[in-house]
Amino acid sequence: MYSPVVMDHFEHPRNAGKPPRSNCVGRHGDPSAGPFTVVYMDVQNGIIEGVGFQTYGCGPAIAAASILTEIIKGKTLAEAGQIQGIEILGIMGDLPLGKHHCIDTAIQALADGLRKGVE
């Protein structure tokens, strides 16, 4: 049903949890029903040096946020802002109908953080 990549990121999420330092935080989704994702970024001199995430949702929602954090770490804020859901989907492999919104939740959480900027 899900690709090996999705299962690996679901079972062993990368960058899960709130990191020790974060000065740029984005949120998206419904915290009462899911999916809901928070993306934490530690931005230093315009570079995303550290990342973390918290997701309330299904396996693909967790996998999407995990993959997103791997992609954005080390990028500039401008580079991170160019990431699109199709890039995450390409890494995840195909998803069943009704699960593509999980990727959108991660991307929108990132976009929210980038809109708010560094605190």
Protein backbone atom coordinates (compact mmCIF):
# COMPACT_ATOMS: atom_id res chain seq x y z
CA MET A 1 0.00 0.00 0.00
CA TYR A 2 2.76 2.49 0.94
CA SER A 3 6.23 2.60 -0.56
CA PRO A 4 9.26 1.39 1.40
CA VAL A 5 10.39 5.03 1.70
CA VAL A 6 7.09 6.08 3.31
CA MET A 7 7.23 3.14 5.70
CA ASP A 8 10.86 3.87 6.61
CA HIS A 9 10.15 7.55 7.38
CA PHE A 10 7.01 6.59 9.30
CA GLU A 11 8.76 3.96 11.40
CA HIS A 12 12.02 5.93 11.76
CA PRO A 13 11.18 9.62 11.30
CA ARG A 14 14.13 11.92 10.88
CA ASN A 15 14.28 15.14 12.90
CA ALA A 16 11.17 14.27 14.92
CA GLY A 17 10.41 16.50 17.87
CA LYS A 18 11.18 20.04 18.86
CA PRO A 19 14.90 20.77 18.49
CA PRO A 20 16.86 22.48 21.29
CA ARG A 21 16.93 25.73 19.30
CA SER A 22 14.39 27.11 16.86
CA ASN A 23 13.79 30.69 15.83
CA CYS A 24 11.43 30.12 12.92
CA VAL A 25 8.29 28.02 13.42
CA GLY A 26 5.45 27.22 11.05
CA ARG A 27 2.16 25.41 11.61
CA HIS A 28 -0.57 24.07 9.40
CA GLY A 29 -3.59 21.82 9.73
CA ASP A 30 -6.21 20.99 12.29
CA PRO A 31 -4.74 20.16 15.71
CA SER A 32 -8.03 18.64 16.85
CA ALA A 33 -8.47 16.22 13.95
CA GLY A 34 -5.23 16.06 11.98
CA PRO A 35 -3.23 16.15 10.00
CA PHE A 36 -1.44 18.92 11.83
CA THR A 37 2.26 19.68 11.41
CA VAL A 38 4.65 22.04 13.15
CA VAL A 39 8.01 22.67 11.46
CA TYR A 40 10.79 24.07 13.63
CA MET A 41 13.84 25.72 12.06
CA ASP A 42 17.01 27.07 13.59
CA VAL A 43 18.05 29.74 11.10
CA GLN A 44 21.55 31.19 11.36
CA ASN A 45 22.77 33.79 8.85
CA GLY A 46 19.95 32.90 6.49
CA ILE A 47 20.73 29.16 6.50
CA ILE A 48 18.51 26.50 8.07
CA GLU A 49 21.05 24.91 10.40
CA GLY A 50 18.70 22.77 12.48
CA VAL A 51 15.22 21.37 11.94
CA GLY A 52 12.53 19.42 13.71
CA PHE A 53 8.88 18.61 13.33
CA GLN A 54 5.85 17.40 15.19
CA THR A 55 2.95 15.86 13.30
CA TYR A 56 -0.43 14.65 14.41
CA GLY A 57 -1.60 12.46 11.58
CA CYS A 58 -1.25 9.25 9.64
CA GLY A 59 1.88 7.53 8.39
CA PRO A 60 2.14 9.55 5.17
CA ALA A 61 1.79 12.82 7.12
CA ILE A 62 4.67 11.82 9.39
CA ALA A 63 6.74 10.61 6.43
CA ALA A 64 6.11 13.83 4.46
CA ALA A 65 7.25 16.02 7.37
CA SER A 66 10.29 13.81 7.97
CA ILE A 67 11.31 14.03 4.30
CA LEU A 68 10.69 17.77 4.23
CA THR A 69 13.03 18.35 7.17
CA GLU A 70 15.75 16.36 5.45
CA ILE A 71 15.35 18.44 2.29
CA ILE A 72 15.42 21.87 3.97
CA LYS A 73 18.32 21.36 6.36
CA GLY A 74 21.31 23.32 5.09
CA LYS A 75 19.28 25.37 2.61
CA THR A 76 18.76 29.11 2.58
CA LEU A 77 15.30 30.39 3.40
CA ALA A 78 14.82 31.30 -0.27
CA GLU A 79 15.79 27.78 -1.38
CA ALA A 80 13.45 26.23 1.18
CA GLY A 81 10.65 28.43 -0.11
CA GLN A 82 11.03 26.91 -3.58
CA ILE A 83 10.33 23.35 -2.43
CA GLN A 84 7.10 21.96 -3.79
CA GLY A 85 4.98 18.98 -2.89
CA ILE A 86 5.86 17.20 -6.13
CA GLU A 87 9.46 16.96 -4.90
CA ILE A 88 8.36 15.22 -1.71
CA LEU A 89 5.97 12.98 -3.65
CA GLY A 90 8.84 12.00 -5.95
CA ILE A 91 10.82 10.81 -2.93
CA MET A 92 7.85 9.12 -1.27
CA GLY A 93 6.62 7.33 -4.36
CA ASP A 94 2.95 7.22 -5.20
CA LEU A 95 0.36 7.65 -2.46
CA PRO A 96 -3.19 6.32 -2.38
CA LEU A 97 -5.99 8.69 -3.32
CA GLY A 98 -6.91 10.91 -0.42
CA LYS A 99 -3.40 11.04 1.04
CA HIS A 100 -1.77 13.79 -1.03
CA HIS A 101 -3.03 16.38 1.46
CA CYS A 102 -0.45 15.00 3.91
CA ILE A 103 2.31 16.46 1.73
CA ASP A 104 0.45 19.75 1.44
CA THR A 105 0.22 19.99 5.23
CA ALA A 106 4.02 19.74 5.57
CA ILE A 107 4.63 22.23 2.74
CA GLN A 108 2.11 24.70 4.17
CA ALA A 109 3.68 24.45 7.64
CA LEU A 110 7.03 25.33 6.07
CA ALA A 111 5.44 28.20 4.14
CA ASP A 112 3.83 29.51 7.35
CA GLY A 113 7.20 29.58 9.09
CA LEU A 114 8.86 31.31 6.14
CA ARG A 115 6.06 33.92 6.03
CA LYS A 116 6.47 34.66 9.74
CA GLY A 117 10.25 34.82 9.41
CA VAL A 118 12.96 34.49 12.00
CA GLU A 119 11.90 35.49 15.51
